[in-house]
């Protein structure tokens, strides 16, 4: 199964037309609470309301980058692309290919 509420057999986003539900009484009772949360996406499992959240990864202390190879960064001249390129350069990556959709007309 995929990730997220739909792939995991959840009800999908509140207000969606998804018909995948666990059909438990506890989940039916939790539905009105989930709808009032204002979240763009929730899943309900056996009455438990689940909301997706990102969390920071913990550093492992080891580098997995092949600093001898070339790293391709799409959107490389955007704010985030430039930050990533600078970070990789400080980590020893010497070959960076920064590409943009606008070609020669980009910054």
PDB file of N, CA and C in Angstrom:
ATOM      1  N   UNK A   1       0.836  -1.182   0.000  1.00  0.00           N
ATOM      2  CA  UNK A   1       0.000   0.000   0.000  1.00  0.00           C
ATOM      3  C   UNK A   1       0.878   1.241   0.000  1.00  0.00           C
ATOM      4  N   UNK A   2       0.350   2.350  -0.512  1.00  0.00           N
ATOM      5  CA  UNK A   2       1.099   3.596  -0.570  1.00  0.00           C
ATOM      6  C   UNK A   2       1.132   4.299   0.769  1.00  0.00           C
ATOM      7  N   UNK A   3       1.800   5.447   0.788  1.00  0.00           N
ATOM      8  CA  UNK A   3       1.868   6.224   2.015  1.00  0.00           C
ATOM      9  C   UNK A   3       0.705   7.203   2.058  1.00  0.00           C
ATOM     10  N   UNK A   4       0.442   7.759   3.220  1.00  0.00           N
ATOM     11  CA  UNK A   4      -0.641   8.723   3.372  1.00  0.00           C
ATOM     12  C   UNK A   4      -1.948   8.022   3.672  1.00  0.00           C
ATOM     13  N   UNK A   5      -2.948   8.801   4.024  1.00  0.00           N
ATOM     14  CA  UNK A   5      -4.218   8.211   4.436  1.00  0.00           C
ATOM     15  C   UNK A   5      -4.888   7.359   3.374  1.00  0.00           C
ATOM     16  N   UNK A   6      -4.879   7.767   2.117  1.00  0.00           N
ATOM     17  CA  UNK A   6      -5.562   6.970   1.104  1.00  0.00           C
ATOM     18  C   UNK A   6      -4.847   5.657   0.851  1.00  0.00           C
ATOM     19  N   UNK A   7      -3.508   5.717   0.706  1.00  0.00           N
ATOM     20  CA  UNK A   7      -2.746   4.507   0.441  1.00  0.00           C
ATOM     21  C   UNK A   7      -2.773   3.540   1.605  1.00  0.00           C
ATOM     22  N   UNK A   8      -2.975   4.071   2.814  1.00  0.00           N
ATOM     23  CA  UNK A   8      -2.984   3.217   3.989  1.00  0.00           C
ATOM     24  C   UNK A   8      -4.387   2.755   4.352  1.00  0.00           C
ATOM     25  N   UNK A   9      -5.346   3.039   3.471  1.00  0.00           N
ATOM     26  CA  UNK A   9      -6.704   2.577   3.719  1.00  0.00           C
ATOM     27  C   UNK A   9      -7.510   3.507   4.595  1.00  0.00           C
ATOM     28  N   UNK A  10      -7.139   4.785   4.635  1.00  0.00           N
ATOM     29  CA  UNK A  10      -7.839   5.744   5.475  1.00  0.00           C
ATOM     30  C   UNK A  10      -9.003   6.382   4.747  1.00  0.00           C
ATOM     31  N   UNK A  11      -9.613   7.329   5.403  1.00  0.00           N
ATOM     32  CA  UNK A  11     -10.771   7.998   4.848  1.00  0.00           C
ATOM     33  C   UNK A  11     -10.387   9.085   3.861  1.00  0.00           C
ATOM     34  N   UNK A  12      -9.101   9.403   3.743  1.00  0.00           N
ATOM     35  CA  UNK A  12      -8.682  10.474   2.844  1.00  0.00           C
ATOM     36  C   UNK A  12      -8.959  11.815   3.481  1.00  0.00           C
ATOM     37  N   UNK A  13      -8.704  12.891   2.740  1.00  0.00           N
ATOM     38  CA  UNK A  13      -8.931  14.226   3.287  1.00  0.00           C
ATOM     39  C   UNK A  13     -10.394  14.425   3.669  1.00  0.00           C
ATOM     40  N   UNK A  14     -10.620  15.162   4.743  1.00  0.00           N
ATOM     41  CA  UNK A  14     -11.980  15.464   5.165  1.00  0.00           C
ATOM     42  C   UNK A  14     -12.667  16.217   4.046  1.00  0.00           C
ATOM     43  N   UNK A  15     -13.871  15.817   3.718  1.00  0.00           N
ATOM     44  CA  UNK A  15     -14.611  16.462   2.656  1.00  0.00           C
ATOM     45  C   UNK A  15     -14.323  15.871   1.288  1.00  0.00           C
ATOM     46  N   UNK A  16     -13.441  14.890   1.217  1.00  0.00           N
ATOM     47  CA  UNK A  16     -13.152  14.268  -0.071  1.00  0.00           C
ATOM     48  C   UNK A  16     -14.239  13.246  -0.391  1.00  0.00           C
ATOM     49  N   UNK A  17     -14.215  12.774  -1.603  1.00  0.00           N
ATOM     50  CA  UNK A  17     -15.220  11.785  -1.985  1.00  0.00           C
ATOM     51  C   UNK A  17     -14.668  10.365  -1.879  1.00  0.00           C
ATOM     52  N   UNK A  18     -13.573  10.203  -1.161  1.00  0.00           N
ATOM     53  CA  UNK A  18     -12.985   8.877  -0.999  1.00  0.00           C
ATOM     54  C   UNK A  18     -13.959   7.967  -0.262  1.00  0.00           C
ATOM     55  N   UNK A  19     -14.069   6.726  -0.698  1.00  0.00           N
ATOM     56  CA  UNK A  19     -14.992   5.802  -0.051  1.00  0.00           C
ATOM     57  C   UNK A  19     -14.261   4.735   0.745  1.00  0.00           C
ATOM     58  N   UNK A  20     -12.951   4.889   0.949  1.00  0.00           N
ATOM     59  CA  UNK A  20     -12.188   3.925   1.724  1.00  0.00           C
ATOM     60  C   UNK A  20     -12.296   4.296   3.201  1.00  0.00           C
ATOM     61  N   UNK A  21     -13.001   3.474   3.978  1.00  0.00           N
ATOM     62  CA  UNK A  21     -13.197   3.749   5.399  1.00  0.00           C
ATOM     63  C   UNK A  21     -13.058   2.445   6.169  1.00  0.00           C
ATOM     64  N   UNK A  22     -12.770   2.577   7.467  1.00  0.00           N
ATOM     65  CA  UNK A  22     -12.677   1.347   8.254  1.00  0.00           C
ATOM     66  C   UNK A  22     -14.038   0.934   8.823  1.00  0.00           C
ATOM     67  N   UNK A  23     -15.051   1.798   8.706  1.00  0.00           N
ATOM     68  CA  UNK A  23     -16.429   1.482   9.070  1.00  0.00           C
ATOM     69  C   UNK A  23     -16.628   1.029  10.521  1.00  0.00           C
ATOM     70  N   UNK A  24     -15.768   1.479  11.430  1.00  0.00           N
ATOM     71  CA  UNK A  24     -15.998   1.162  12.838  1.00  0.00           C
ATOM     72  C   UNK A  24     -16.852   2.262  13.460  1.00  0.00           C
ATOM     73  N   UNK A  25     -17.564   1.935  14.513  1.00  0.00           N
ATOM     74  CA  UNK A  25     -18.387   2.922  15.210  1.00  0.00           C
ATOM     75  C   UNK A  25     -17.519   4.037  15.775  1.00  0.00           C
ATOM     76  N   UNK A  26     -16.360   3.687  16.317  1.00  0.00           N
ATOM     77  CA  UNK A  26     -15.460   4.698  16.880  1.00  0.00           C
ATOM     78  C   UNK A  26     -15.016   5.692  15.809  1.00  0.00           C
ATOM     79  N   UNK A  27     -14.747   5.206  14.611  1.00  0.00           N
ATOM     80  CA  UNK A  27     -14.333   6.097  13.522  1.00  0.00           C
ATOM     81  C   UNK A  27     -15.482   6.993  13.079  1.00  0.00           C
ATOM     82  N   UNK A  28     -16.688   6.453  13.060  1.00  0.00           N
ATOM     83  CA  UNK A  28     -17.851   7.258  12.694  1.00  0.00           C
ATOM     84  C   UNK A  28     -18.044   8.400  13.694  1.00  0.00           C
ATOM     85  N   UNK A  29     -17.836   8.123  14.969  1.00  0.00           N
ATOM     86  CA  UNK A  29     -17.967   9.156  15.993  1.00  0.00           C
ATOM     87  C   UNK A  29     -16.851  10.190  15.892  1.00  0.00           C
ATOM     88  N   UNK A  30     -15.667   9.787  15.465  1.00  0.00           N
ATOM     89  CA  UNK A  30     -14.523  10.700  15.367  1.00  0.00           C
ATOM     90  C   UNK A  30     -14.601  11.592  14.140  1.00  0.00           C
ATOM     91  N   UNK A  31     -15.446  11.246  13.185  1.00  0.00           N
ATOM     92  CA  UNK A  31     -15.510  11.990  11.930  1.00  0.00           C
ATOM     93  C   UNK A  31     -15.862  13.459  12.129  1.00  0.00           C
ATOM     94  N   UNK A  32     -16.838  13.774  12.969  1.00  0.00           N
ATOM     95  CA  UNK A  32     -17.213  15.178  13.171  1.00  0.00           C
ATOM     96  C   UNK A  32     -16.092  15.963  13.839  1.00  0.00           C
ATOM     97  N   UNK A  33     -15.372  15.323  14.759  1.00  0.00           N
ATOM     98  CA  UNK A  33     -14.225  15.986  15.390  1.00  0.00           C
ATOM     99  C   UNK A  33     -13.151  16.252  14.347  1.00  0.00           C
ATOM    100  N   UNK A  34     -12.858  15.270  13.512  1.00  0.00           N
ATOM    101  CA  UNK A  34     -11.835  15.425  12.468  1.00  0.00           C
ATOM    102  C   UNK A  34     -12.209  16.546  11.505  1.00  0.00           C
ATOM    103  N   UNK A  35     -13.487  16.631  11.155  1.00  0.00           N
ATOM    104  CA  UNK A  35     -13.938  17.664  10.224  1.00  0.00           C
ATOM    105  C   UNK A  35     -13.799  19.059  10.818  1.00  0.00           C
ATOM    106  N   UNK A  36     -13.862  19.187  12.133  1.00  0.00           N
ATOM    107  CA  UNK A  36     -13.770  20.501  12.775  1.00  0.00           C
ATOM    108  C   UNK A  36     -12.331  20.952  13.008  1.00  0.00           C
ATOM    109  N   UNK A  37     -11.353  20.103  12.742  1.00  0.00           N
ATOM    110  CA  UNK A  37      -9.954  20.445  13.016  1.00  0.00           C
ATOM    111  C   UNK A  37      -9.381  21.478  12.058  1.00  0.00           C
ATOM    112  N   UNK A  38      -9.952  21.574  10.863  1.00  0.00           N
ATOM    113  CA  UNK A  38      -9.418  22.516   9.893  1.00  0.00           C
ATOM    114  C   UNK A  38      -8.157  22.024   9.205  1.00  0.00           C
ATOM    115  N   UNK A  39      -7.858  20.753   9.350  1.00  0.00           N
ATOM    116  CA  UNK A  39      -6.684  20.171   8.710  1.00  0.00           C
ATOM    117  C   UNK A  39      -7.011  19.819   7.263  1.00  0.00           C
ATOM    118  N   UNK A  40      -6.060  19.986   6.334  1.00  0.00           N
ATOM    119  CA  UNK A  40      -6.338  19.640   4.942  1.00  0.00           C
ATOM    120  C   UNK A  40      -6.404  18.131   4.700  1.00  0.00           C
ATOM    121  N   UNK A  41      -5.848  17.337   5.611  1.00  0.00           N
ATOM    122  CA  UNK A  41      -5.833  15.889   5.415  1.00  0.00           C
ATOM    123  C   UNK A  41      -5.787  15.200   6.769  1.00  0.00           C
ATOM    124  N   UNK A  42      -6.646  14.220   6.960  1.00  0.00           N
ATOM    125  CA  UNK A  42      -6.648  13.412   8.176  1.00  0.00           C
ATOM    126  C   UNK A  42      -6.936  11.964   7.805  1.00  0.00           C
ATOM    127  N   UNK A  43      -6.588  11.072   8.700  1.00  0.00           N
ATOM    128  CA  UNK A  43      -6.972   9.669   8.582  1.00  0.00           C
ATOM    129  C   UNK A  43      -7.572   9.268   9.925  1.00  0.00           C
ATOM    130  N   UNK A  44      -8.529   8.375   9.876  1.00  0.00           N
ATOM    131  CA  UNK A  44      -9.154   7.896  11.109  1.00  0.00           C
ATOM    132  C   UNK A  44      -9.022   6.380  11.127  1.00  0.00           C
ATOM    133  N   UNK A  45      -8.398   5.868  12.164  1.00  0.00           N
ATOM    134  CA  UNK A  45      -8.220   4.425  12.327  1.00  0.00           C
ATOM    135  C   UNK A  45      -8.800   4.004  13.669  1.00  0.00           C
ATOM    136  N   UNK A  46      -9.831   3.196  13.650  1.00  0.00           N
ATOM    137  CA  UNK A  46     -10.463   2.711  14.879  1.00  0.00           C
ATOM    138  C   UNK A  46     -10.739   3.850  15.853  1.00  0.00           C
ATOM    139  N   UNK A  47     -11.216   4.981  15.325  1.00  0.00           N
ATOM    140  CA  UNK A  47     -11.567   6.123  16.154  1.00  0.00           C
ATOM    141  C   UNK A  47     -10.420   7.064  16.459  1.00  0.00           C
ATOM    142  N   UNK A  48      -9.202   6.698  16.116  1.00  0.00           N
ATOM    143  CA  UNK A  48      -8.051   7.569  16.359  1.00  0.00           C
ATOM    144  C   UNK A  48      -7.857   8.483  15.155  1.00  0.00           C
ATOM    145  N   UNK A  49      -7.761   9.791  15.407  1.00  0.00           N
ATOM    146  CA  UNK A  49      -7.562  10.776  14.352  1.00  0.00           C
ATOM    147  C   UNK A  49      -6.060  10.968  14.148  1.00  0.00           C
ATOM    148  N   UNK A  50      -5.622  10.767  12.919  1.00  0.00           N
ATOM    149  CA  UNK A  50      -4.209  10.892  12.579  1.00  0.00           C
ATOM    150  C   UNK A  50      -4.037  12.038  11.587  1.00  0.00           C
ATOM    151  N   UNK A  51      -3.044  12.893  11.843  1.00  0.00           N
ATOM    152  CA  UNK A  51      -2.765  14.030  10.980  1.00  0.00           C
ATOM    153  C   UNK A  51      -1.301  13.928  10.545  1.00  0.00           C
ATOM    154  N   UNK A  52      -1.034  13.989   9.227  1.00  0.00           N
ATOM    155  CA  UNK A  52       0.352  13.856   8.774  1.00  0.00           C
ATOM    156  C   UNK A  52       1.200  15.057   9.194  1.00  0.00           C
ATOM    157  N   UNK A  53       2.399  14.806   9.638  1.00  0.00           N
ATOM    158  CA  UNK A  53       3.345  15.845  10.034  1.00  0.00           C
ATOM    159  C   UNK A  53       4.745  15.443   9.578  1.00  0.00           C
ATOM    160  N   UNK A  54       5.513  16.429   9.181  1.00  0.00           N
ATOM    161  CA  UNK A  54       6.915  16.194   8.865  1.00  0.00           C
ATOM    162  C   UNK A  54       7.723  16.351  10.142  1.00  0.00           C
ATOM    163  N   UNK A  55       8.783  15.613  10.256  1.00  0.00           N
ATOM    164  CA  UNK A  55       9.677  15.778  11.396  1.00  0.00           C
ATOM    165  C   UNK A  55      11.110  15.768  10.888  1.00  0.00           C
ATOM    166  N   UNK A  56      11.953  16.442  11.604  1.00  0.00           N
ATOM    167  CA  UNK A  56      13.347  16.551  11.195  1.00  0.00           C
ATOM    168  C   UNK A  56      14.045  15.197  11.318  1.00  0.00           C
ATOM    169  N   UNK A  57      14.841  14.877  10.333  1.00  0.00           N
ATOM    170  CA  UNK A  57      15.635  13.652  10.388  1.00  0.00           C
ATOM    171  C   UNK A  57      16.821  13.877  11.314  1.00  0.00           C
ATOM    172  N   UNK A  58      17.197  12.859  12.011  1.00  0.00           N
ATOM    173  CA  UNK A  58      18.348  12.961  12.896  1.00  0.00           C
ATOM    174  C   UNK A  58      19.624  12.666  12.114  1.00  0.00           C
ATOM    175  N   UNK A  59      20.644  13.511  12.252  1.00  0.00           N
ATOM    176  CA  UNK A  59      21.892  13.264  11.525  1.00  0.00           C
ATOM    177  C   UNK A  59      22.525  11.938  11.940  1.00  0.00           C
ATOM    178  N   UNK A  60      23.089  11.249  10.964  1.00  0.00           N
ATOM    179  CA  UNK A  60      23.722   9.959  11.255  1.00  0.00           C
ATOM    180  C   UNK A  60      25.209  10.112  11.538  1.00  0.00           C
ATOM    181  N   UNK A  61      25.775  11.264  11.182  1.00  0.00           N
ATOM    182  CA  UNK A  61      27.198  11.479  11.408  1.00  0.00           C
ATOM    183  C   UNK A  61      28.063  10.991  10.257  1.00  0.00           C
ATOM    184  N   UNK A  62      27.456  10.348   9.270  1.00  0.00           N
ATOM    185  CA  UNK A  62      28.225   9.894   8.114  1.00  0.00           C
ATOM    186  C   UNK A  62      27.662  10.509   6.851  1.00  0.00           C
ATOM    187  N   UNK A  63      28.537  10.791   5.910  1.00  0.00           N
ATOM    188  CA  UNK A  63      28.120  11.367   4.643  1.00  0.00           C
ATOM    189  C   UNK A  63      27.801  10.249   3.657  1.00  0.00           C
ATOM    190  N   UNK A  64      26.685  10.389   2.969  1.00  0.00           N
ATOM    191  CA  UNK A  64      26.329   9.396   1.962  1.00  0.00           C
ATOM    192  C   UNK A  64      26.532   9.950   0.553  1.00  0.00           C
ATOM    193  N   UNK A  65      27.038  11.180   0.435  1.00  0.00           N
ATOM    194  CA  UNK A  65      27.254  11.794  -0.865  1.00  0.00           C
ATOM    195  C   UNK A  65      28.536  11.289  -1.483  1.00  0.00           C
ATOM    196  N   UNK A  66      28.459  10.973  -2.764  1.00  0.00           N
ATOM    197  CA  UNK A  66      29.665  10.652  -3.526  1.00  0.00           C
ATOM    198  C   UNK A  66      30.220  11.980  -4.003  1.00  0.00           C
ATOM    199  N   UNK A  67      31.212  12.510  -3.304  1.00  0.00           N
ATOM    200  CA  UNK A  67      31.734  13.836  -3.619  1.00  0.00           C
ATOM    201  C   UNK A  67      32.527  13.860  -4.920  1.00  0.00           C
ATOM    202  N   UNK A  68      32.762  12.710  -5.521  1.00  0.00           N
ATOM    203  CA  UNK A  68      33.472  12.644  -6.800  1.00  0.00           C
ATOM    204  C   UNK A  68      32.511  12.762  -7.981  1.00  0.00           C
ATOM    205  N   UNK A  69      31.248  12.444  -7.769  1.00  0.00           N
ATOM    206  CA  UNK A  69      30.259  12.479  -8.844  1.00  0.00           C
ATOM    207  C   UNK A  69      29.664  13.865  -9.017  1.00  0.00           C
ATOM    208  N   UNK A  70      28.766  13.986  -9.981  1.00  0.00           N
ATOM    209  CA  UNK A  70      28.079  15.244 -10.243  1.00  0.00           C
ATOM    210  C   UNK A  70      26.684  15.196  -9.626  1.00  0.00           C
ATOM    211  N   UNK A  71      26.300  16.277  -8.956  1.00  0.00           N
ATOM    212  CA  UNK A  71      24.984  16.378  -8.345  1.00  0.00           C
ATOM    213  C   UNK A  71      24.149  17.324  -9.201  1.00  0.00           C
ATOM    214  N   UNK A  72      22.976  16.856  -9.643  1.00  0.00           N
ATOM    215  CA  UNK A  72      22.051  17.652 -10.434  1.00  0.00           C
ATOM    216  C   UNK A  72      21.023  18.272  -9.503  1.00  0.00           C
ATOM    217  N   UNK A  73      20.874  19.594  -9.574  1.00  0.00           N
ATOM    218  CA  UNK A  73      19.880  20.295  -8.767  1.00  0.00           C
ATOM    219  C   UNK A  73      18.941  21.005  -9.722  1.00  0.00           C
ATOM    220  N   UNK A  74      17.689  20.538  -9.765  1.00  0.00           N
ATOM    221  CA  UNK A  74      16.692  21.220 -10.594  1.00  0.00           C
ATOM    222  C   UNK A  74      16.153  22.393  -9.793  1.00  0.00           C
ATOM    223  N   UNK A  75      15.897  23.496 -10.465  1.00  0.00           N
ATOM    224  CA  UNK A  75      15.516  24.716  -9.754  1.00  0.00           C
ATOM    225  C   UNK A  75      16.719  25.276  -9.028  1.00  0.00           C
ATOM    226  N   UNK A  76      17.887  25.032  -9.603  1.00  0.00           N
ATOM    227  CA  UNK A  76      19.150  25.348  -8.923  1.00  0.00           C
ATOM    228  C   UNK A  76      19.437  26.808  -8.671  1.00  0.00           C
ATOM    229  N   UNK A  77      18.743  27.715  -9.358  1.00  0.00           N
ATOM    230  CA  UNK A  77      18.999  29.134  -9.103  1.00  0.00           C
ATOM    231  C   UNK A  77      17.908  29.766  -8.242  1.00  0.00           C
ATOM    232  N   UNK A  78      16.935  28.965  -7.829  1.00  0.00           N
ATOM    233  CA  UNK A  78      15.904  29.485  -6.925  1.00  0.00           C
ATOM    234  C   UNK A  78      16.510  29.641  -5.538  1.00  0.00           C
ATOM    235  N   UNK A  79      15.768  30.241  -4.642  1.00  0.00           N
ATOM    236  CA  UNK A  79      16.275  30.418  -3.279  1.00  0.00           C
ATOM    237  C   UNK A  79      16.675  29.108  -2.632  1.00  0.00           C
ATOM    238  N   UNK A  80      15.794  28.108  -2.672  1.00  0.00           N
ATOM    239  CA  UNK A  80      16.080  26.822  -2.042  1.00  0.00           C
ATOM    240  C   UNK A  80      17.176  26.070  -2.790  1.00  0.00           C
ATOM    241  N   UNK A  81      17.132  26.103  -4.129  1.00  0.00           N
ATOM    242  CA  UNK A  81      18.160  25.434  -4.922  1.00  0.00           C
ATOM    243  C   UNK A  81      19.544  25.981  -4.631  1.00  0.00           C
ATOM    244  N   UNK A  82      19.647  27.297  -4.500  1.00  0.00           N
ATOM    245  CA  UNK A  82      20.936  27.923  -4.204  1.00  0.00           C
ATOM    246  C   UNK A  82      21.432  27.535  -2.814  1.00  0.00           C
ATOM    247  N   UNK A  83      20.524  27.466  -1.859  1.00  0.00           N
ATOM    248  CA  UNK A  83      20.904  27.062  -0.493  1.00  0.00           C
ATOM    249  C   UNK A  83      21.433  25.627  -0.503  1.00  0.00           C
ATOM    250  N   UNK A  84      20.745  24.753  -1.227  1.00  0.00           N
ATOM    251  CA  UNK A  84      21.186  23.357  -1.302  1.00  0.00           C
ATOM    252  C   UNK A  84      22.545  23.265  -1.985  1.00  0.00           C
ATOM    253  N   UNK A  85      22.729  24.014  -3.069  1.00  0.00           N
ATOM    254  CA  UNK A  85      24.013  24.001  -3.779  1.00  0.00           C
ATOM    255  C   UNK A  85      25.144  24.467  -2.862  1.00  0.00           C
ATOM    256  N   UNK A  86      24.912  25.540  -2.118  1.00  0.00           N
ATOM    257  CA  UNK A  86      25.947  26.025  -1.190  1.00  0.00           C
ATOM    258  C   UNK A  86      26.253  24.981  -0.124  1.00  0.00           C
ATOM    259  N   UNK A  87      25.215  24.355   0.408  1.00  0.00           N
ATOM    260  CA  UNK A  87      25.424  23.331   1.441  1.00  0.00           C
ATOM    261  C   UNK A  87      26.256  22.169   0.896  1.00  0.00           C
ATOM    262  N   UNK A  88      25.893  21.698  -0.291  1.00  0.00           N
ATOM    263  CA  UNK A  88      26.648  20.582  -0.864  1.00  0.00           C
ATOM    264  C   UNK A  88      28.100  20.967  -1.116  1.00  0.00           C
ATOM    265  N   UNK A  89      28.319  22.197  -1.552  1.00  0.00           N
ATOM    266  CA  UNK A  89      29.695  22.651  -1.780  1.00  0.00           C
ATOM    267  C   UNK A  89      30.495  22.646  -0.479  1.00  0.00           C
ATOM    268  N   UNK A  90      29.852  23.010   0.627  1.00  0.00           N
ATOM    269  CA  UNK A  90      30.576  22.987   1.914  1.00  0.00           C
ATOM    270  C   UNK A  90      30.825  21.562   2.399  1.00  0.00           C
ATOM    271  N   UNK A  91      30.080  20.594   1.849  1.00  0.00           N
ATOM    272  CA  UNK A  91      30.252  19.195   2.226  1.00  0.00           C
ATOM    273  C   UNK A  91      31.251  18.469   1.326  1.00  0.00           C
ATOM    274  N   UNK A  92      31.884  19.204   0.398  1.00  0.00           N
ATOM    275  CA  UNK A  92      32.916  18.604  -0.432  1.00  0.00           C
ATOM    276  C   UNK A  92      32.493  18.251  -1.843  1.00  0.00           C
ATOM    277  N   UNK A  93      31.239  18.492  -2.206  1.00  0.00           N
ATOM    278  CA  UNK A  93      30.801  18.219  -3.577  1.00  0.00           C
ATOM    279  C   UNK A  93      31.373  19.307  -4.474  1.00  0.00           C
ATOM    280  N   UNK A  94      32.137  18.904  -5.478  1.00  0.00           N
ATOM    281  CA  UNK A  94      32.792  19.891  -6.342  1.00  0.00           C
ATOM    282  C   UNK A  94      32.156  20.009  -7.715  1.00  0.00           C
ATOM    283  N   UNK A  95      31.303  19.057  -8.089  1.00  0.00           N
ATOM    284  CA  UNK A  95      30.651  19.100  -9.396  1.00  0.00           C
ATOM    285  C   UNK A  95      29.147  19.224  -9.206  1.00  0.00           C
ATOM    286  N   UNK A  96      28.639  20.424  -9.446  1.00  0.00           N
ATOM    287  CA  UNK A  96      27.219  20.700  -9.310  1.00  0.00           C
ATOM    288  C   UNK A  96      26.672  21.141 -10.652  1.00  0.00           C
ATOM    289  N   UNK A  97      25.543  20.586 -11.066  1.00  0.00           N
ATOM    290  CA  UNK A  97      24.862  21.017 -12.285  1.00  0.00           C
ATOM    291  C   UNK A  97      23.540  21.641 -11.852  1.00  0.00           C
ATOM    292  N   UNK A  98      23.433  22.967 -11.993  1.00  0.00           N
ATOM    293  CA  UNK A  98      22.229  23.683 -11.609  1.00  0.00           C
ATOM    294  C   UNK A  98      21.421  23.955 -12.871  1.00  0.00           C
ATOM    295  N   UNK A  99      20.196  23.458 -12.930  1.00  0.00           N
ATOM    296  CA  UNK A  99      19.364  23.655 -14.121  1.00  0.00           C
ATOM    297  C   UNK A  99      18.073  24.362 -13.728  1.00  0.00           C
ATOM    298  N   UNK A 100      17.528  25.125 -14.705  1.00  0.00           N
ATOM    299  CA  UNK A 100      16.288  25.850 -14.486  1.00  0.00           C
ATOM    300  C   UNK A 100      15.380  25.676 -15.675  1.00  0.00           C
ATOM    301  N   UNK A 101      14.089  25.864 -15.470  1.00  0.00           N
ATOM    302  CA  UNK A 101      13.121  25.689 -16.559  1.00  0.00           C
ATOM    303  C   UNK A 101      13.202  26.796 -17.592  1.00  0.00           C
ATOM    304  N   UNK A 102      13.609  27.986 -17.194  1.00  0.00           N
ATOM    305  CA  UNK A 102      13.584  29.121 -18.113  1.00  0.00           C
ATOM    306  C   UNK A 102      14.790  29.200 -19.030  1.00  0.00           C
ATOM    307  N   UNK A 103      15.701  28.263 -18.902  1.00  0.00           N
ATOM    308  CA  UNK A 103      16.880  28.252 -19.783  1.00  0.00           C
ATOM    309  C   UNK A 103      17.704  29.521 -19.663  1.00  0.00           C
ATOM    310  N   UNK A 104      18.123  30.054 -20.793  1.00  0.00           N
ATOM    311  CA  UNK A 104      18.991  31.245 -20.801  1.00  0.00           C
ATOM    312  C   UNK A 104      18.302  32.495 -20.254  1.00  0.00           C
ATOM    313  N   UNK A 105      16.972  32.467 -20.188  1.00  0.00           N
ATOM    314  CA  UNK A 105      16.237  33.636 -19.720  1.00  0.00           C
ATOM    315  C   UNK A 105      16.128  33.693 -18.205  1.00  0.00           C
ATOM    316  N   UNK A 106      16.585  32.664 -17.527  1.00  0.00           N
ATOM    317  CA  UNK A 106      16.530  32.614 -16.070  1.00  0.00           C
ATOM    318  C   UNK A 106      17.627  33.453 -15.440  1.00  0.00           C
ATOM    319  N   UNK A 107      17.577  33.594 -14.131  1.00  0.00           N
ATOM    320  CA  UNK A 107      18.581  34.396 -13.425  1.00  0.00           C
ATOM    321  C   UNK A 107      19.968  33.776 -13.473  1.00  0.00           C
TER     322      UNK A 107
END
